[in-house]
Amino acid sequence: MTTARHKQERSLWPVLTWLTALLCVFVALPGTPSPSESEGGGLNAEDKQLLASGELVMKPVNEQRGALKLFGGQSWQVVDVPVEMAWRAMEDLPSYKRIIPLATESDIKGQNGDEIDLAIRQQWGPVDITYVLQTTLDAGKRVMMFRLDHSQGHELRAGWGFLRARRWNGNRTLVSFGAMVDIGDGVLVSIIRPAVRKDLLRIPTKFKGYVEGEGRELYGR
C-alpha cells in the first residue's frame, strides 16, 4: 500500500512541483515570467542591453516560508549557439557536472516514466555533498524541471526549479534558470552557504561556457 502510494505521488510530482515552483519563485519576483510564457518576458530594456553585451542577468530572492529558509531566484544568459543545440545539451543529464558549480559527479540513478533521477555530487574543499534530483524534460517547451528527492538521504531541506532554452534574436539562445533552495543549518552547510549563494544563479554562465566550448562539438550536429 505504501509503495503504491509512493509511486502515485511520484507520478504526480511534475504538475505539483511546477505549480509550487511558480508560486515560490515567481511570486517573489513581481513581473517575472514563468518558463511557459513568451520569449523575453520579464526582462526590461536594461536587462536586454546587458544580455546583448554578453552579461548574466540575475534577480536573486531570499524568503522564509514556514521552517524553510529559501534563497535563489532567476537568471538569464544569451548563448551563441542555436536553440536546438542548446536543448540537446540540456537533455544530456549526465553532463550536468559541467554546468552545476563545484559538481564533480552527475549520474542517472533511475527512471520512472518521464521522471529521471539524477544523482549529483558537489565538493567545496573538505565538504562533500550528494543528493538526487527528480527531473523531467519537456522537449516541446525545451525546459528541464527538477526538485530535490526527499526519499534519498541528504542534509538539504528543499530545492526545486527549472532550466530552459529559448530562441533569441535569430540563431542564438536565451538560457533561463530559476530555483529556490534551503540547504539546511548544519555545521558543514554553514561553511558552503556563501559559495552556494554566489554560484546558484550563475548556472546559465556555466552552461554558456560549456556549450560554446567543448560541448560545441558534442551537440553541434
N, C-alpha and C. Protein backbone atom coordinates (compact mmCIF):
# COMPACT_ATOMS: atom_id res chain seq x y z
N MET A 1 0.83 -1.20 0.00
CA MET A 1 0.00 0.00 0.00
C MET A 1 0.87 1.26 0.00
N THR A 2 1.90 1.26 0.89
CA THR A 2 2.80 2.39 0.96
C THR A 2 3.55 2.57 -0.34
N THR A 3 4.00 1.45 -0.93
CA THR A 3 4.73 1.51 -2.20
C THR A 3 3.86 2.07 -3.30
N ALA A 4 2.61 1.62 -3.38
CA ALA A 4 1.69 2.11 -4.41
C ALA A 4 1.45 3.60 -4.24
N ARG A 5 1.28 4.05 -3.00
CA ARG A 5 1.04 5.47 -2.76
C ARG A 5 2.26 6.28 -3.15
N HIS A 6 3.45 5.74 -2.86
CA HIS A 6 4.69 6.44 -3.20
C HIS A 6 4.81 6.60 -4.70
N LYS A 7 4.48 5.55 -5.46
CA LYS A 7 4.56 5.63 -6.91
C LYS A 7 3.57 6.64 -7.45
N GLN A 8 2.38 6.68 -6.85
CA GLN A 8 1.38 7.64 -7.30
C GLN A 8 1.84 9.06 -7.05
N GLU A 9 2.44 9.31 -5.88
CA GLU A 9 2.92 10.64 -5.56
C GLU A 9 4.02 11.05 -6.53
N ARG A 10 4.91 10.11 -6.87
CA ARG A 10 5.99 10.42 -7.79
C ARG A 10 5.45 10.72 -9.18
N SER A 11 4.40 10.00 -9.58
CA SER A 11 3.85 10.22 -10.91
C SER A 11 3.17 11.58 -11.02
N LEU A 12 2.72 12.13 -9.88
CA LEU A 12 2.03 13.42 -9.89
C LEU A 12 2.98 14.59 -9.71
N TRP A 13 4.24 14.32 -9.36
CA TRP A 13 5.09 15.42 -8.95
C TRP A 13 5.36 16.44 -10.03
N PRO A 14 5.49 16.11 -11.34
CA PRO A 14 5.77 17.17 -12.31
C PRO A 14 4.77 18.31 -12.26
N VAL A 15 3.48 17.99 -12.14
CA VAL A 15 2.46 19.03 -12.09
C VAL A 15 2.54 19.80 -10.79
N LEU A 16 2.62 19.07 -9.67
CA LEU A 16 2.64 19.71 -8.36
C LEU A 16 3.90 20.55 -8.18
N THR A 17 5.04 20.01 -8.61
CA THR A 17 6.29 20.74 -8.47
C THR A 17 6.28 22.01 -9.30
N TRP A 18 5.74 21.89 -10.49
CA TRP A 18 5.70 23.06 -11.37
C TRP A 18 4.86 24.16 -10.75
N LEU A 19 3.71 23.82 -10.20
CA LEU A 19 2.87 24.83 -9.56
C LEU A 19 3.57 25.43 -8.35
N THR A 20 4.22 24.57 -7.57
CA THR A 20 4.94 25.06 -6.40
C THR A 20 6.06 26.00 -6.80
N ALA A 21 6.80 25.60 -7.84
CA ALA A 21 7.91 26.44 -8.31
C ALA A 21 7.42 27.80 -8.77
N LEU A 22 6.31 27.80 -9.48
CA LEU A 22 5.75 29.07 -9.95
C LEU A 22 5.37 29.96 -8.78
N LEU A 23 4.73 29.37 -7.77
CA LEU A 23 4.30 30.15 -6.62
C LEU A 23 5.48 30.67 -5.82
N CYS A 24 6.44 29.80 -5.57
CA CYS A 24 7.52 30.15 -4.66
C CYS A 24 8.62 30.98 -5.31
N VAL A 25 8.88 30.76 -6.59
CA VAL A 25 9.93 31.52 -7.25
C VAL A 25 9.39 32.83 -7.79
N PHE A 26 8.27 32.79 -8.47
CA PHE A 26 7.84 33.95 -9.23
C PHE A 26 6.96 34.90 -8.46
N VAL A 27 6.30 34.44 -7.39
CA VAL A 27 5.55 35.38 -6.56
C VAL A 27 6.52 36.37 -5.93
N ALA A 28 7.72 35.89 -5.64
CA ALA A 28 8.73 36.75 -5.02
C ALA A 28 9.35 37.72 -6.02
N LEU A 29 9.13 37.50 -7.30
CA LEU A 29 9.67 38.37 -8.33
C LEU A 29 8.54 38.93 -9.16
N PRO A 30 7.88 39.99 -8.73
CA PRO A 30 6.74 40.52 -9.47
C PRO A 30 7.14 40.83 -10.90
N GLY A 31 6.29 40.38 -11.83
CA GLY A 31 6.53 40.66 -13.23
C GLY A 31 7.45 39.68 -13.91
N THR A 32 8.09 38.77 -13.14
CA THR A 32 8.97 37.79 -13.75
C THR A 32 8.15 36.69 -14.37
N PRO A 33 8.50 36.22 -15.58
CA PRO A 33 7.68 35.24 -16.28
C PRO A 33 7.88 33.84 -15.75
N SER A 34 6.90 33.00 -15.98
CA SER A 34 7.09 31.58 -15.78
C SER A 34 7.77 31.05 -17.03
N PRO A 35 8.38 29.84 -16.96
CA PRO A 35 9.03 29.29 -18.14
C PRO A 35 8.09 29.07 -19.31
N SER A 36 6.79 29.05 -19.08
CA SER A 36 5.84 28.80 -20.16
C SER A 36 5.43 30.06 -20.89
N GLU A 37 5.91 31.23 -20.42
CA GLU A 37 5.48 32.46 -21.04
C GLU A 37 6.35 32.83 -22.23
N SER A 38 5.99 33.91 -22.91
CA SER A 38 6.61 34.26 -24.18
C SER A 38 8.07 34.66 -24.01
N GLU A 39 8.79 34.58 -25.12
CA GLU A 39 10.21 34.88 -25.16
C GLU A 39 10.48 36.31 -24.70
N GLY A 40 11.43 36.44 -23.76
CA GLY A 40 11.85 37.76 -23.32
C GLY A 40 10.97 38.40 -22.27
N GLY A 41 9.87 37.77 -21.85
CA GLY A 41 9.00 38.37 -20.84
C GLY A 41 9.75 38.53 -19.53
N GLY A 42 9.46 39.64 -18.80
CA GLY A 42 10.08 39.86 -17.51
C GLY A 42 11.43 40.53 -17.58
N LEU A 43 11.95 40.76 -18.78
CA LEU A 43 13.23 41.43 -18.95
C LEU A 43 12.98 42.86 -19.40
N ASN A 44 13.50 43.83 -18.66
CA ASN A 44 13.32 45.22 -19.05
C ASN A 44 14.40 45.63 -20.06
N ALA A 45 14.35 46.88 -20.49
CA ALA A 45 15.28 47.35 -21.52
C ALA A 45 16.73 47.25 -21.05
N GLU A 46 16.97 47.57 -19.78
CA GLU A 46 18.33 47.48 -19.26
C GLU A 46 18.82 46.03 -19.23
N ASP A 47 17.94 45.12 -18.82
CA ASP A 47 18.28 43.69 -18.81
C ASP A 47 18.68 43.23 -20.20
N LYS A 48 17.89 43.60 -21.20
CA LYS A 48 18.15 43.16 -22.57
C LYS A 48 19.45 43.75 -23.10
N GLN A 49 19.76 44.96 -22.68
CA GLN A 49 21.02 45.56 -23.08
C GLN A 49 22.20 44.80 -22.48
N LEU A 50 22.06 44.41 -21.22
CA LEU A 50 23.10 43.61 -20.57
C LEU A 50 23.26 42.26 -21.25
N LEU A 51 22.14 41.63 -21.59
CA LEU A 51 22.20 40.34 -22.27
C LEU A 51 22.89 40.48 -23.63
N ALA A 52 22.57 41.54 -24.36
CA ALA A 52 23.16 41.76 -25.68
C ALA A 52 24.66 41.96 -25.60
N SER A 53 25.14 42.50 -24.47
CA SER A 53 26.57 42.72 -24.30
C SER A 53 27.28 41.51 -23.70
N GLY A 54 26.53 40.41 -23.52
CA GLY A 54 27.13 39.17 -23.04
C GLY A 54 27.10 38.98 -21.55
N GLU A 55 26.38 39.85 -20.83
CA GLU A 55 26.33 39.77 -19.37
C GLU A 55 25.27 38.78 -18.89
N LEU A 56 25.47 38.31 -17.67
CA LEU A 56 24.49 37.49 -16.97
C LEU A 56 23.54 38.42 -16.21
N VAL A 57 22.24 38.21 -16.35
CA VAL A 57 21.25 38.99 -15.61
C VAL A 57 20.70 38.11 -14.49
N MET A 58 20.79 38.60 -13.25
CA MET A 58 20.33 37.84 -12.10
C MET A 58 19.31 38.64 -11.29
N LYS A 59 18.29 37.95 -10.80
CA LYS A 59 17.30 38.56 -9.91
C LYS A 59 17.15 37.64 -8.69
N PRO A 60 18.01 37.86 -7.68
CA PRO A 60 18.02 36.97 -6.51
C PRO A 60 16.83 37.19 -5.58
N VAL A 61 16.52 36.13 -4.83
CA VAL A 61 15.41 36.15 -3.88
C VAL A 61 15.85 35.46 -2.60
N ASN A 62 15.46 36.02 -1.46
CA ASN A 62 15.60 35.37 -0.16
C ASN A 62 14.23 35.38 0.49
N GLU A 63 13.82 34.24 1.03
CA GLU A 63 12.46 34.17 1.55
C GLU A 63 12.33 33.11 2.64
N GLN A 64 11.59 33.45 3.67
CA GLN A 64 11.26 32.50 4.73
C GLN A 64 9.86 31.98 4.48
N ARG A 65 9.71 30.65 4.35
CA ARG A 65 8.39 30.04 4.16
C ARG A 65 8.24 28.95 5.22
N GLY A 66 7.53 29.28 6.30
CA GLY A 66 7.43 28.33 7.39
C GLY A 66 8.81 28.09 7.97
N ALA A 67 9.20 26.82 8.03
CA ALA A 67 10.52 26.47 8.56
C ALA A 67 11.61 26.56 7.51
N LEU A 68 11.25 26.80 6.26
CA LEU A 68 12.23 26.82 5.18
C LEU A 68 12.87 28.21 5.03
N LYS A 69 14.20 28.22 4.97
CA LYS A 69 14.96 29.45 4.71
C LYS A 69 15.45 29.37 3.27
N LEU A 70 14.64 29.89 2.38
CA LEU A 70 14.88 29.72 0.95
C LEU A 70 15.69 30.87 0.36
N PHE A 71 16.54 30.53 -0.60
CA PHE A 71 17.18 31.55 -1.41
C PHE A 71 17.31 31.02 -2.83
N GLY A 72 17.50 31.93 -3.75
CA GLY A 72 17.56 31.55 -5.17
C GLY A 72 17.11 32.72 -6.01
N GLY A 73 16.18 32.46 -6.94
CA GLY A 73 15.69 33.50 -7.83
C GLY A 73 15.73 33.04 -9.27
N GLN A 74 16.06 33.96 -10.18
CA GLN A 74 16.09 33.63 -11.60
C GLN A 74 17.24 34.36 -12.27
N SER A 75 17.78 33.75 -13.33
CA SER A 75 18.88 34.37 -14.07
C SER A 75 18.77 34.01 -15.55
N TRP A 76 19.40 34.86 -16.38
CA TRP A 76 19.35 34.70 -17.83
C TRP A 76 20.73 34.94 -18.43
N GLN A 77 21.02 34.25 -19.54
CA GLN A 77 22.28 34.45 -20.27
C GLN A 77 22.04 34.09 -21.73
N VAL A 78 22.56 34.92 -22.64
CA VAL A 78 22.48 34.60 -24.07
C VAL A 78 23.66 33.72 -24.45
N VAL A 79 23.37 32.64 -25.16
CA VAL A 79 24.39 31.68 -25.59
C VAL A 79 24.48 31.73 -27.11
N ASP A 80 25.69 31.75 -27.62
CA ASP A 80 25.91 31.89 -29.06
C ASP A 80 25.88 30.54 -29.78
N VAL A 81 24.80 29.82 -29.61
CA VAL A 81 24.55 28.58 -30.35
C VAL A 81 23.06 28.53 -30.67
N PRO A 82 22.66 27.75 -31.69
CA PRO A 82 21.23 27.61 -32.00
C PRO A 82 20.49 26.95 -30.85
N VAL A 83 19.19 27.26 -30.74
CA VAL A 83 18.41 26.73 -29.63
C VAL A 83 18.33 25.21 -29.66
N GLU A 84 18.32 24.61 -30.85
CA GLU A 84 18.28 23.14 -30.94
C GLU A 84 19.52 22.52 -30.32
N MET A 85 20.66 23.16 -30.53
CA MET A 85 21.91 22.67 -29.96
C MET A 85 21.92 22.83 -28.45
N ALA A 86 21.43 23.97 -27.98
CA ALA A 86 21.37 24.19 -26.53
C ALA A 86 20.47 23.16 -25.86
N TRP A 87 19.36 22.83 -26.50
CA TRP A 87 18.44 21.86 -25.92
C TRP A 87 19.07 20.47 -25.88
N ARG A 88 19.82 20.11 -26.90
CA ARG A 88 20.50 18.80 -26.87
C ARG A 88 21.43 18.72 -25.66
N ALA A 89 22.08 19.81 -25.33
CA ALA A 89 22.95 19.83 -24.15
C ALA A 89 22.14 19.71 -22.86
N MET A 90 20.98 20.37 -22.81
CA MET A 90 20.14 20.29 -21.61
C MET A 90 19.58 18.89 -21.41
N GLU A 91 19.32 18.19 -22.50
CA GLU A 91 18.82 16.82 -22.41
C GLU A 91 19.87 15.85 -21.90
N ASP A 92 21.13 16.21 -22.02
CA ASP A 92 22.24 15.33 -21.65
C ASP A 92 22.49 15.44 -20.14
N LEU A 93 21.62 14.83 -19.36
CA LEU A 93 21.68 14.99 -17.90
C LEU A 93 23.01 14.56 -17.29
N PRO A 94 23.66 13.47 -17.75
CA PRO A 94 24.95 13.11 -17.16
C PRO A 94 26.03 14.18 -17.32
N SER A 95 25.82 15.14 -18.23
CA SER A 95 26.82 16.20 -18.43
C SER A 95 26.64 17.35 -17.45
N TYR A 96 25.65 17.29 -16.58
CA TYR A 96 25.36 18.44 -15.71
C TYR A 96 26.48 18.74 -14.72
N LYS A 97 27.39 17.82 -14.51
CA LYS A 97 28.53 18.12 -13.65
C LYS A 97 29.38 19.24 -14.25
N ARG A 98 29.21 19.49 -15.55
CA ARG A 98 29.96 20.55 -16.22
C ARG A 98 29.28 21.91 -16.13
N ILE A 99 28.00 21.92 -15.72
CA ILE A 99 27.30 23.20 -15.66
C ILE A 99 26.83 23.56 -14.25
N ILE A 100 26.83 22.60 -13.33
CA ILE A 100 26.49 22.90 -11.94
C ILE A 100 27.78 23.27 -11.21
N PRO A 101 27.88 24.46 -10.66
CA PRO A 101 29.11 24.88 -10.00
C PRO A 101 29.57 23.89 -8.92
N LEU A 102 30.85 23.57 -8.96
CA LEU A 102 31.51 22.72 -7.98
C LEU A 102 31.02 21.27 -7.99
N ALA A 103 30.26 20.88 -9.01
CA ALA A 103 29.82 19.49 -9.12
C ALA A 103 30.96 18.64 -9.67
N THR A 104 31.12 17.46 -9.10
CA THR A 104 32.15 16.53 -9.56
C THR A 104 31.56 15.28 -10.19
N GLU A 105 30.28 15.00 -9.91
CA GLU A 105 29.62 13.84 -10.49
C GLU A 105 28.16 14.18 -10.80
N SER A 106 27.65 13.61 -11.90
CA SER A 106 26.22 13.71 -12.24
C SER A 106 25.86 12.45 -13.01
N ASP A 107 25.12 11.58 -12.37
CA ASP A 107 24.82 10.27 -12.94
C ASP A 107 23.33 9.96 -12.84
N ILE A 108 22.79 9.36 -13.90
CA ILE A 108 21.40 8.93 -13.87
C ILE A 108 21.28 7.71 -12.96
N LYS A 109 20.42 7.83 -11.96
CA LYS A 109 20.27 6.77 -10.96
C LYS A 109 19.10 5.86 -11.27
N GLY A 110 18.12 6.35 -12.01
CA GLY A 110 16.95 5.55 -12.34
C GLY A 110 15.95 6.37 -13.10
N GLN A 111 14.92 5.69 -13.60
CA GLN A 111 13.87 6.38 -14.35
C GLN A 111 12.53 5.73 -14.08
N ASN A 112 11.50 6.56 -13.90
CA ASN A 112 10.14 6.09 -13.68
C ASN A 112 9.22 6.89 -14.59
N GLY A 113 8.90 6.33 -15.76
CA GLY A 113 8.12 7.06 -16.75
C GLY A 113 8.93 8.23 -17.28
N ASP A 114 8.35 9.43 -17.20
CA ASP A 114 9.04 10.63 -17.68
C ASP A 114 10.00 11.21 -16.66
N GLU A 115 9.99 10.66 -15.46
CA GLU A 115 10.81 11.19 -14.38
C GLU A 115 12.16 10.48 -14.34
N ILE A 116 13.23 11.26 -14.35
CA ILE A 116 14.59 10.73 -14.32
C ILE A 116 15.27 11.18 -13.04
N ASP A 117 15.83 10.24 -12.29
CA ASP A 117 16.55 10.56 -11.06
C ASP A 117 18.01 10.83 -11.39
N LEU A 118 18.46 12.03 -11.08
CA LEU A 118 19.82 12.44 -11.38
C LEU A 118 20.59 12.66 -10.08
N ALA A 119 21.61 11.84 -9.85
CA ALA A 119 22.43 11.95 -8.64
C ALA A 119 23.54 12.97 -8.87
N ILE A 120 23.67 13.92 -7.95
CA ILE A 120 24.66 14.99 -8.04
C ILE A 120 25.59 14.93 -6.84
N ARG A 121 26.87 15.14 -7.10
CA ARG A 121 27.84 15.26 -6.02
C ARG A 121 28.58 16.59 -6.18
N GLN A 122 28.64 17.37 -5.11
CA GLN A 122 29.35 18.64 -5.13
C GLN A 122 30.35 18.68 -3.99
N GLN A 123 31.48 19.34 -4.24
CA GLN A 123 32.54 19.41 -3.24
C GLN A 123 33.04 20.85 -3.09
N TRP A 124 33.10 21.31 -1.84
CA TRP A 124 33.70 22.59 -1.50
C TRP A 124 34.84 22.28 -0.53
N GLY A 125 36.05 22.17 -0.99
CA GLY A 125 37.15 21.82 -0.12
C GLY A 125 36.87 20.50 0.58
N PRO A 126 36.85 20.48 1.94
CA PRO A 126 36.61 19.24 2.66
C PRO A 126 35.13 18.83 2.71
N VAL A 127 34.24 19.72 2.25
CA VAL A 127 32.81 19.43 2.31
C VAL A 127 32.37 18.68 1.06
N ASP A 128 31.72 17.56 1.28
CA ASP A 128 31.30 16.67 0.18
C ASP A 128 29.81 16.37 0.35
N ILE A 129 28.99 16.81 -0.61
CA ILE A 129 27.54 16.64 -0.51
C ILE A 129 27.01 15.89 -1.72
N THR A 130 26.14 14.91 -1.47
CA THR A 130 25.47 14.20 -2.56
C THR A 130 23.97 14.29 -2.36
N TYR A 131 23.24 14.36 -3.46
CA TYR A 131 21.78 14.41 -3.41
C TYR A 131 21.24 13.95 -4.75
N VAL A 132 19.93 13.72 -4.80
CA VAL A 132 19.28 13.26 -6.03
C VAL A 132 18.20 14.26 -6.43
N LEU A 133 18.20 14.62 -7.70
CA LEU A 133 17.17 15.48 -8.26
C LEU A 133 16.22 14.64 -9.10
N GLN A 134 14.94 14.81 -8.87
CA GLN A 134 13.93 14.20 -9.73
C GLN A 134 13.66 15.18 -10.86
N THR A 135 13.98 14.79 -12.08
CA THR A 135 13.91 15.70 -13.21
C THR A 135 12.91 15.23 -14.26
N THR A 136 12.36 16.18 -15.01
CA THR A 136 11.57 15.87 -16.19
C THR A 136 12.01 16.80 -17.31
N LEU A 137 11.96 16.29 -18.54
CA LEU A 137 12.35 17.05 -19.72
C LEU A 137 11.13 17.27 -20.60
N ASP A 138 10.83 18.51 -20.90
CA ASP A 138 9.72 18.86 -21.79
C ASP A 138 10.32 19.38 -23.09
N ALA A 139 10.41 18.50 -24.09
CA ALA A 139 11.04 18.87 -25.36
C ALA A 139 10.26 19.94 -26.10
N GLY A 140 8.93 19.94 -25.95
CA GLY A 140 8.11 20.93 -26.64
C GLY A 140 8.42 22.34 -26.19
N LYS A 141 8.63 22.52 -24.88
CA LYS A 141 8.94 23.85 -24.33
C LYS A 141 10.44 24.03 -24.10
N ARG A 142 11.20 22.98 -24.35
CA ARG A 142 12.65 22.98 -24.13
C ARG A 142 12.97 23.43 -22.70
N VAL A 143 12.38 22.73 -21.76
CA VAL A 143 12.62 23.05 -20.36
C VAL A 143 12.87 21.78 -19.56
N MET A 144 13.85 21.84 -18.67
CA MET A 144 14.14 20.78 -17.72
C MET A 144 13.67 21.27 -16.36
N MET A 145 12.79 20.50 -15.71
CA MET A 145 12.30 20.85 -14.38
C MET A 145 12.86 19.85 -13.36
N PHE A 146 13.10 20.33 -12.15
CA PHE A 146 13.68 19.45 -11.14
C PHE A 146 13.16 19.78 -9.76
N ARG A 147 13.26 18.79 -8.88
CA ARG A 147 13.02 19.00 -7.45
C ARG A 147 13.90 18.03 -6.69
N LEU A 148 14.20 18.37 -5.45
CA LEU A 148 15.01 17.52 -4.60
C LEU A 148 14.24 16.27 -4.21
N ASP A 149 14.86 15.11 -4.32
CA ASP A 149 14.23 13.85 -3.94
C ASP A 149 14.42 13.64 -2.44
N HIS A 150 13.33 13.79 -1.69
CA HIS A 150 13.42 13.68 -0.23
C HIS A 150 13.47 12.23 0.26
N SER A 151 13.31 11.28 -0.64
CA SER A 151 13.40 9.88 -0.23
C SER A 151 14.85 9.43 -0.11
N GLN A 152 15.78 10.26 -0.58
CA GLN A 152 17.20 9.94 -0.51
C GLN A 152 17.83 10.64 0.69
N GLY A 153 18.83 10.01 1.27
CA GLY A 153 19.48 10.59 2.44
C GLY A 153 20.38 11.76 2.06
N HIS A 154 20.15 12.93 2.67
CA HIS A 154 20.98 14.11 2.45
C HIS A 154 20.63 15.14 3.51
N GLU A 155 21.45 16.19 3.61
CA GLU A 155 21.22 17.23 4.62
C GLU A 155 20.40 18.39 4.08
N LEU A 156 20.17 18.43 2.78
CA LEU A 156 19.44 19.54 2.19
C LEU A 156 17.96 19.45 2.56
N ARG A 157 17.31 20.59 2.75
CA ARG A 157 15.91 20.61 3.17
C ARG A 157 14.94 20.70 2.00
N ALA A 158 15.27 21.49 1.00
CA ALA A 158 14.33 21.70 -0.11
C ALA A 158 15.06 22.25 -1.32
N GLY A 159 14.49 21.99 -2.48
CA GLY A 159 15.05 22.55 -3.71
C GLY A 159 14.18 22.22 -4.90
N TRP A 160 13.94 23.18 -5.75
CA TRP A 160 13.18 22.94 -6.98
C TRP A 160 13.50 24.06 -7.97
N GLY A 161 13.22 23.81 -9.25
CA GLY A 161 13.47 24.85 -10.24
C GLY A 161 13.41 24.35 -11.66
N PHE A 162 14.04 25.09 -12.57
CA PHE A 162 14.00 24.75 -13.99
C PHE A 162 15.21 25.33 -14.71
N LEU A 163 15.49 24.79 -15.89
CA LEU A 163 16.48 25.32 -16.82
C LEU A 163 15.83 25.28 -18.20
N ARG A 164 15.83 26.42 -18.91
CA ARG A 164 15.10 26.48 -20.18
C ARG A 164 15.92 27.14 -21.27
N ALA A 165 15.71 26.68 -22.52
CA ALA A 165 16.33 27.27 -23.70
C ALA A 165 15.25 27.85 -24.60
N ARG A 166 15.45 29.11 -25.04
CA ARG A 166 14.51 29.76 -25.95
C ARG A 166 15.27 30.45 -27.08
N ARG A 167 14.70 30.44 -28.27
CA ARG A 167 15.33 31.13 -29.39
C ARG A 167 15.42 32.63 -29.08
N TRP A 168 16.56 33.22 -29.46
CA TRP A 168 16.78 34.61 -29.12
C TRP A 168 17.48 35.34 -30.28
N ASN A 169 16.81 36.31 -30.84
CA ASN A 169 17.41 37.16 -31.88
C ASN A 169 18.08 36.35 -32.99
N GLY A 170 17.29 35.52 -33.63
CA GLY A 170 17.81 34.75 -34.76
C GLY A 170 18.35 33.41 -34.34
N ASN A 171 19.66 33.24 -34.47
CA ASN A 171 20.26 31.92 -34.28
C ASN A 171 21.00 31.81 -32.95
N ARG A 172 20.55 32.55 -31.95
CA ARG A 172 21.14 32.47 -30.62
C ARG A 172 20.11 31.90 -29.65
N THR A 173 20.53 31.66 -28.42
CA THR A 173 19.64 31.04 -27.42
C THR A 173 19.66 31.85 -26.13
N LEU A 174 18.49 32.08 -25.58
CA LEU A 174 18.38 32.66 -24.25
C LEU A 174 18.19 31.52 -23.26
N VAL A 175 19.15 31.33 -22.39
CA VAL A 175 19.07 30.31 -21.34
C VAL A 175 18.56 30.97 -20.07
N SER A 176 17.48 30.44 -19.52
CA SER A 176 16.94 30.97 -18.26
C SER A 176 16.95 29.86 -17.21
N PHE A 177 17.25 30.26 -16.00
CA PHE A 177 17.33 29.32 -14.88
C PHE A 177 16.60 29.93 -13.69
N GLY A 178 15.82 29.12 -13.00
CA GLY A 178 15.15 29.58 -11.80
C GLY A 178 15.19 28.49 -10.75
N ALA A 179 15.40 28.85 -9.50
CA ALA A 179 15.45 27.85 -8.43
C ALA A 179 15.25 28.51 -7.08
N MET A 180 14.72 27.73 -6.14
CA MET A 180 14.66 28.10 -4.73
C MET A 180 15.17 26.91 -3.94
N VAL A 181 16.06 27.15 -2.98
CA VAL A 181 16.65 26.05 -2.22
C VAL A 181 16.77 26.43 -0.74
N ASP A 182 16.77 25.42 0.10
CA ASP A 182 17.11 25.54 1.52
C ASP A 182 18.12 24.45 1.79
N ILE A 183 19.37 24.83 2.05
CA ILE A 183 20.42 23.83 2.20
C ILE A 183 20.62 23.40 3.65
N GLY A 184 19.75 23.86 4.56
CA GLY A 184 19.83 23.40 5.94
C GLY A 184 20.70 24.29 6.82
N ASP A 185 20.90 23.85 8.07
CA ASP A 185 21.62 24.66 9.06
C ASP A 185 22.79 23.93 9.72
N GLY A 186 23.21 22.80 9.16
CA GLY A 186 24.30 22.06 9.78
C GLY A 186 25.61 22.82 9.77
N VAL A 187 26.57 22.33 10.55
CA VAL A 187 27.88 22.99 10.64
C VAL A 187 28.56 23.01 9.28
N LEU A 188 28.56 21.87 8.59
CA LEU A 188 29.20 21.81 7.28
C LEU A 188 28.48 22.71 6.28
N VAL A 189 27.16 22.72 6.37
CA VAL A 189 26.37 23.54 5.45
C VAL A 189 26.69 25.02 5.63
N SER A 190 26.92 25.44 6.88
CA SER A 190 27.23 26.85 7.12
C SER A 190 28.53 27.26 6.43
N ILE A 191 29.41 26.29 6.21
CA ILE A 191 30.67 26.57 5.53
C ILE A 191 30.45 26.85 4.05
N ILE A 192 29.55 26.09 3.44
CA ILE A 192 29.36 26.21 2.00
C ILE A 192 28.27 27.20 1.59
N ARG A 193 27.49 27.68 2.56
CA ARG A 193 26.36 28.55 2.22
C ARG A 193 26.77 29.75 1.36
N PRO A 194 27.85 30.49 1.71
CA PRO A 194 28.23 31.63 0.86
C PRO A 194 28.54 31.22 -0.58
N ALA A 195 29.19 30.07 -0.75
CA ALA A 195 29.53 29.62 -2.10
C ALA A 195 28.28 29.26 -2.89
N VAL A 196 27.32 28.62 -2.22
CA VAL A 196 26.08 28.25 -2.90
C VAL A 196 25.31 29.50 -3.30
N ARG A 197 25.20 30.46 -2.39
CA ARG A 197 24.50 31.71 -2.71
C ARG A 197 25.15 32.41 -3.91
N LYS A 198 26.45 32.41 -3.94
CA LYS A 198 27.18 33.09 -5.01
C LYS A 198 27.00 32.40 -6.35
N ASP A 199 27.02 31.08 -6.35
CA ASP A 199 27.10 30.33 -7.60
C ASP A 199 25.78 29.83 -8.16
N LEU A 200 24.73 29.74 -7.34
CA LEU A 200 23.49 29.11 -7.79
C LEU A 200 22.95 29.75 -9.06
N LEU A 201 22.85 31.07 -9.10
CA LEU A 201 22.26 31.74 -10.25
C LEU A 201 23.24 31.93 -11.40
N ARG A 202 24.45 31.41 -11.26
CA ARG A 202 25.44 31.50 -12.33
C ARG A 202 25.42 30.28 -13.25
N ILE A 203 24.46 29.40 -13.05
CA ILE A 203 24.38 28.21 -13.89
C ILE A 203 24.26 28.54 -15.38
N PRO A 204 23.48 29.55 -15.80
CA PRO A 204 23.46 29.88 -17.24
C PRO A 204 24.83 30.24 -17.79
N THR A 205 25.67 30.89 -16.98
CA THR A 205 27.02 31.23 -17.44
C THR A 205 27.87 29.98 -17.58
N LYS A 206 27.74 29.06 -16.63
CA LYS A 206 28.46 27.79 -16.74
C LYS A 206 28.00 27.02 -17.98
N PHE A 207 26.69 27.05 -18.23
CA PHE A 207 26.14 26.38 -19.40
C PHE A 207 26.71 27.00 -20.67
N LYS A 208 26.76 28.32 -20.73
CA LYS A 208 27.29 29.03 -21.89
C LYS A 208 28.74 28.61 -22.17
N GLY A 209 29.57 28.61 -21.11
CA GLY A 209 30.96 28.24 -21.28
C GLY A 209 31.13 26.82 -21.79
N TYR A 210 30.29 25.92 -21.29
CA TYR A 210 30.38 24.52 -21.70
C TYR A 210 29.92 24.32 -23.14
N VAL A 211 28.75 24.87 -23.50
CA VAL A 211 28.19 24.62 -24.82
C VAL A 211 28.97 25.35 -25.91
N GLU A 212 29.48 26.53 -25.62
CA GLU A 212 30.27 27.25 -26.61
C GLU A 212 31.69 26.70 -26.70
N GLY A 213 32.10 25.92 -25.71
CA GLY A 213 33.43 25.36 -25.70
C GLY A 213 33.44 23.90 -26.12
N GLU A 214 33.77 23.00 -25.17
CA GLU A 214 33.89 21.58 -25.52
C GLU A 214 32.57 20.97 -25.95
N GLY A 215 31.45 21.53 -25.51
CA GLY A 215 30.16 20.98 -25.90
C GLY A 215 29.76 21.27 -27.32
N ARG A 216 30.39 22.25 -27.96
CA ARG A 216 30.02 22.62 -29.33
C ARG A 216 30.18 21.44 -30.28
N GLU A 217 31.25 20.70 -30.12
CA GLU A 217 31.48 19.55 -30.99
C GLU A 217 30.53 18.40 -30.65
N LEU A 218 30.17 18.26 -29.38
CA LEU A 218 29.29 17.17 -28.96
C LEU A 218 27.85 17.37 -29.43
N TYR A 219 27.36 18.61 -29.37
CA TYR A 219 25.94 18.86 -29.63
C TYR A 219 25.67 19.62 -30.92
N GLY A 220 26.71 19.97 -31.66
CA GLY A 220 26.54 20.80 -32.85
C GLY A 220 26.25 20.05 -34.13
N ARG A 221 25.59 18.92 -34.04
CA ARG A 221 25.28 18.15 -35.25
C ARG A 221 24.09 18.75 -36.00
